[in-house]
C-alpha atoms as a PDB file:
ATOM      1  CA  UNK A   1      46.653 -12.377  -5.559  1.00  0.00           C
ATOM      2  CA  UNK A   2      47.861  -8.827  -4.929  1.00  0.00           C
ATOM      3  CA  UNK A   3      45.888  -7.448  -7.876  1.00  0.00           C
ATOM      4  CA  UNK A   4      42.763  -9.240  -6.643  1.00  0.00           C
ATOM      5  CA  UNK A   5      43.189  -7.730  -3.179  1.00  0.00           C
ATOM      6  CA  UNK A   6      43.836  -4.319  -4.709  1.00  0.00           C
ATOM      7  CA  UNK A   7      40.630  -4.541  -6.758  1.00  0.00           C
ATOM      8  CA  UNK A   8      38.620  -5.537  -3.696  1.00  0.00           C
ATOM      9  CA  UNK A   9      40.129  -2.755  -1.589  1.00  0.00           C
ATOM     10  CA  UNK A  10      39.415  -0.177  -4.278  1.00  0.00           C
ATOM     11  CA  UNK A  11      35.801  -1.328  -4.546  1.00  0.00           C
ATOM     12  CA  UNK A  12      35.455  -0.739  -0.804  1.00  0.00           C
ATOM     13  CA  UNK A  13      35.892   2.980  -1.532  1.00  0.00           C
ATOM     14  CA  UNK A  14      32.191   3.120  -2.364  1.00  0.00           C
ATOM     15  CA  UNK A  15      31.509   2.214   1.263  1.00  0.00           C
ATOM     16  CA  UNK A  16      33.323   5.349   2.361  1.00  0.00           C
ATOM     17  CA  UNK A  17      31.211   7.370  -0.063  1.00  0.00           C
ATOM     18  CA  UNK A  18      28.053   5.767   1.375  1.00  0.00           C
ATOM     19  CA  UNK A  19      29.127   6.629   4.937  1.00  0.00           C
ATOM     20  CA  UNK A  20      29.862  10.228   3.906  1.00  0.00           C
ATOM     21  CA  UNK A  21      26.432  10.488   2.253  1.00  0.00           C
ATOM     22  CA  UNK A  22      24.744   9.092   5.381  1.00  0.00           C
ATOM     23  CA  UNK A  23      26.620  11.553   7.604  1.00  0.00           C
ATOM     24  CA  UNK A  24      25.476  14.439   5.384  1.00  0.00           C
ATOM     25  CA  UNK A  25      21.908  13.135   5.511  1.00  0.00           C
ATOM     26  CA  UNK A  26      22.073  12.875   9.313  1.00  0.00           C
ATOM     27  CA  UNK A  27      23.343  16.455   9.487  1.00  0.00           C
ATOM     28  CA  UNK A  28      20.649  17.709   7.095  1.00  0.00           C
ATOM     29  CA  UNK A  29      17.818  15.963   8.971  1.00  0.00           C
ATOM     30  CA  UNK A  30      19.278  17.218  12.250  1.00  0.00           C
ATOM     31  CA  UNK A  31      19.114  20.787  10.960  1.00  0.00           C
ATOM     32  CA  UNK A  32      15.564  20.248   9.718  1.00  0.00           C
ATOM     33  CA  UNK A  33      14.604  18.864  13.112  1.00  0.00           C
ATOM     34  CA  UNK A  34      15.768  22.014  14.896  1.00  0.00           C
ATOM     35  CA  UNK A  35      13.189  24.081  12.996  1.00  0.00           C
ATOM     36  CA  UNK A  36      10.410  21.487  12.627  1.00  0.00           C
ATOM     37  CA  UNK A  37       8.268  23.137  15.312  1.00  0.00           C
ATOM     38  CA  UNK A  38       8.158  26.319  13.224  1.00  0.00           C
ATOM     39  CA  UNK A  39       7.227  24.563   9.965  1.00  0.00           C
ATOM     40  CA  UNK A  40       3.752  24.632   8.481  1.00  0.00           C
ATOM     41  CA  UNK A  41       1.812  21.442   7.682  1.00  0.00           C
ATOM     42  CA  UNK A  42       2.952  21.274   4.046  1.00  0.00           C
ATOM     43  CA  UNK A  43       6.618  21.645   4.975  1.00  0.00           C
ATOM     44  CA  UNK A  44       6.215  18.908   7.587  1.00  0.00           C
ATOM     45  CA  UNK A  45       4.570  16.578   5.061  1.00  0.00           C
ATOM     46  CA  UNK A  46       7.428  17.188   2.629  1.00  0.00           C
ATOM     47  CA  UNK A  47      10.231  16.584   5.136  1.00  0.00           C
ATOM     48  CA  UNK A  48       8.508  13.508   6.552  1.00  0.00           C
ATOM     49  CA  UNK A  49       8.192  12.083   3.045  1.00  0.00           C
ATOM     50  CA  UNK A  50      11.843  12.915   2.374  1.00  0.00           C
ATOM     51  CA  UNK A  51      12.819  11.132   5.602  1.00  0.00           C
ATOM     52  CA  UNK A  52      10.684   8.103   4.634  1.00  0.00           C
ATOM     53  CA  UNK A  53      12.366   7.976   1.219  1.00  0.00           C
ATOM     54  CA  UNK A  54      15.792   8.084   2.814  1.00  0.00           C
ATOM     55  CA  UNK A  55      14.858   5.384   5.316  1.00  0.00           C
ATOM     56  CA  UNK A  56      13.567   3.145   2.511  1.00  0.00           C
ATOM     57  CA  UNK A  57      16.793   3.670   0.550  1.00  0.00           C
ATOM     58  CA  UNK A  58      18.844   2.764   3.634  1.00  0.00           C
ATOM     59  CA  UNK A  59      16.703  -0.272   4.429  1.00  0.00           C
ATOM     60  CA  UNK A  60      16.995  -1.476   0.840  1.00  0.00           C
ATOM     61  CA  UNK A  61      20.783  -1.128   1.018  1.00  0.00           C
ATOM     62  CA  UNK A  62      20.886  -3.074   4.298  1.00  0.00           C
ATOM     63  CA  UNK A  63      18.721  -5.785   2.743  1.00  0.00           C
ATOM     64  CA  UNK A  64      21.074  -5.993  -0.241  1.00  0.00           C
ATOM     65  CA  UNK A  65      24.009  -6.412   2.135  1.00  0.00           C
ATOM     66  CA  UNK A  66      22.261  -9.322   3.814  1.00  0.00           C
ATOM     67  CA  UNK A  67      22.058 -10.991   0.401  1.00  0.00           C
ATOM     68  CA  UNK A  68      25.711 -10.402  -0.468  1.00  0.00           C
ATOM     69  CA  UNK A  69      28.058 -13.277   0.442  1.00  0.00           C
ATOM     70  CA  UNK A  70      31.114 -11.019   0.056  1.00  0.00           C
ATOM     71  CA  UNK A  71      29.802  -8.532   2.615  1.00  0.00           C
ATOM     72  CA  UNK A  72      28.482 -11.247   4.931  1.00  0.00           C
ATOM     73  CA  UNK A  73      31.911 -12.868   5.051  1.00  0.00           C
ATOM     74  CA  UNK A  74      33.066  -9.782   6.994  1.00  0.00           C
ATOM     75  CA  UNK A  75      30.044  -9.528   9.296  1.00  0.00           C
ATOM     76  CA  UNK A  76      30.319 -11.120  12.727  1.00  0.00           C
ATOM     77  CA  UNK A  77      27.466 -12.493  14.793  1.00  0.00           C
ATOM     78  CA  UNK A  78      27.894  -9.572  17.206  1.00  0.00           C
ATOM     79  CA  UNK A  79      27.452  -7.160  14.298  1.00  0.00           C
ATOM     80  CA  UNK A  80      24.302  -9.014  13.205  1.00  0.00           C
ATOM     81  CA  UNK A  81      22.960  -8.897  16.770  1.00  0.00           C
ATOM     82  CA  UNK A  82      23.575  -5.145  16.802  1.00  0.00           C
ATOM     83  CA  UNK A  83      21.657  -4.790  13.531  1.00  0.00           C
ATOM     84  CA  UNK A  84      18.836  -7.004  14.844  1.00  0.00           C
ATOM     85  CA  UNK A  85      18.543  -5.181  18.186  1.00  0.00           C
ATOM     86  CA  UNK A  86      18.472  -1.800  16.501  1.00  0.00           C
ATOM     87  CA  UNK A  87      16.083  -3.025  13.806  1.00  0.00           C
ATOM     88  CA  UNK A  88      13.759  -4.474  16.419  1.00  0.00           C
ATOM     89  CA  UNK A  89      13.704  -1.150  18.278  1.00  0.00           C
ATOM     90  CA  UNK A  90      12.995   0.788  15.086  1.00  0.00           C
ATOM     91  CA  UNK A  91      10.292  -1.705  14.100  1.00  0.00           C
ATOM     92  CA  UNK A  92       8.533  -1.398  17.448  1.00  0.00           C
ATOM     93  CA  UNK A  93       8.726   2.393  17.361  1.00  0.00           C
ATOM     94  CA  UNK A  94       7.325   2.402  13.817  1.00  0.00           C
ATOM     95  CA  UNK A  95       4.484   0.031  14.759  1.00  0.00           C
ATOM     96  CA  UNK A  96       3.617   2.164  17.799  1.00  0.00           C
ATOM     97  CA  UNK A  97       3.606   5.293  15.611  1.00  0.00           C
ATOM     98  CA  UNK A  98       1.431   3.636  12.987  1.00  0.00           C
ATOM     99  CA  UNK A  99      -1.087   2.347  15.527  1.00  0.00           C
ATOM    100  CA  UNK A 100      -1.229   5.692  17.370  1.00  0.00           C
ATOM    101  CA  UNK A 101      -1.509   7.764  14.186  1.00  0.00           C
ATOM    102  CA  UNK A 102      -4.025   5.484  12.460  1.00  0.00           C
ATOM    103  CA  UNK A 103      -6.322   5.392  15.503  1.00  0.00           C
ATOM    104  CA  UNK A 104      -6.086   9.168  15.952  1.00  0.00           C
ATOM    105  CA  UNK A 105      -6.941   9.829  12.290  1.00  0.00           C
ATOM    106  CA  UNK A 106      -9.852   7.376  12.463  1.00  0.00           C
ATOM    107  CA  UNK A 107     -11.239   8.966  15.634  1.00  0.00           C
ATOM    108  CA  UNK A 108     -10.834  12.496  14.276  1.00  0.00           C
ATOM    109  CA  UNK A 109     -12.469  11.598  10.956  1.00  0.00           C
ATOM    110  CA  UNK A 110     -15.403   9.879  12.695  1.00  0.00           C
ATOM    111  CA  UNK A 111     -15.932  12.884  14.978  1.00  0.00           C
ATOM    112  CA  UNK A 112     -15.834  15.426  12.148  1.00  0.00           C
ATOM    113  CA  UNK A 113     -18.100  13.314   9.921  1.00  0.00           C
ATOM    114  CA  UNK A 114     -20.666  12.951  12.746  1.00  0.00           C
ATOM    115  CA  UNK A 115     -20.547  16.758  13.123  1.00  0.00           C
ATOM    116  CA  UNK A 116     -21.139  17.152   9.393  1.00  0.00           C
ATOM    117  CA  UNK A 117     -17.734  18.682   8.805  1.00  0.00           C
ATOM    118  CA  UNK A 118     -16.516  16.983   5.649  1.00  0.00           C
ATOM    119  CA  UNK A 119     -13.517  18.467   3.866  1.00  0.00           C
ATOM    120  CA  UNK A 120     -14.666  20.387   0.798  1.00  0.00           C
ATOM    121  CA  UNK A 121     -12.615  18.274  -1.609  1.00  0.00           C
ATOM    122  CA  UNK A 122     -14.585  15.155  -0.594  1.00  0.00           C
ATOM    123  CA  UNK A 123     -17.722  16.673  -2.067  1.00  0.00           C
ATOM    124  CA  UNK A 124     -16.020  16.773  -5.464  1.00  0.00           C
ATOM    125  CA  UNK A 125     -15.484  13.008  -5.543  1.00  0.00           C
ATOM    126  CA  UNK A 126     -17.981  10.210  -5.707  1.00  0.00           C
ATOM    127  CA  UNK A 127     -18.788   8.300  -2.517  1.00  0.00           C
ATOM    128  CA  UNK A 128     -17.557   4.959  -3.898  1.00  0.00           C
ATOM    129  CA  UNK A 129     -14.170   6.397  -4.851  1.00  0.00           C
ATOM    130  CA  UNK A 130     -13.678   7.917  -1.405  1.00  0.00           C
ATOM    131  CA  UNK A 131     -14.771   4.729   0.331  1.00  0.00           C
ATOM    132  CA  UNK A 132     -12.180   2.810  -1.695  1.00  0.00           C
ATOM    133  CA  UNK A 133      -9.392   5.283  -0.747  1.00  0.00           C
ATOM    134  CA  UNK A 134     -10.050   5.235   3.011  1.00  0.00           C
ATOM    135  CA  UNK A 135      -8.263   2.012   3.873  1.00  0.00           C
ATOM    136  CA  UNK A 136      -5.463   0.797   6.054  1.00  0.00           C
ATOM    137  CA  UNK A 137      -2.020   2.171   5.078  1.00  0.00           C
ATOM    138  CA  UNK A 138      -0.980  -1.397   4.381  1.00  0.00           C
END
């Protein structure tokens, strides 16, 4: 029994590594955030995509935990309620962002198109291809 417990305890070391990695990521994104106002559009696109990738990695890891009976045996209902409450807040914030951003892009595109101000790169593509690409993010 002792060797089994020892093996389990040693495998929990990866959780400490994960926490350390998340703390470093939080610090890095915090530093990026302090200079975001000074960044150009390309830099903002790149850091936003990097943040999205990190969020997806974290969400995938959380989802894997929720499928792991070993992990779930150590998770209390209060812990699950904390995860749900936080998840619900993040979900609502994300939905609000998506709605706001999608409507703003749509309105801006409609205005510029009515004014005859198409981006130059759109002239290089066929109409059908562009029509197919302009869809909902989902």
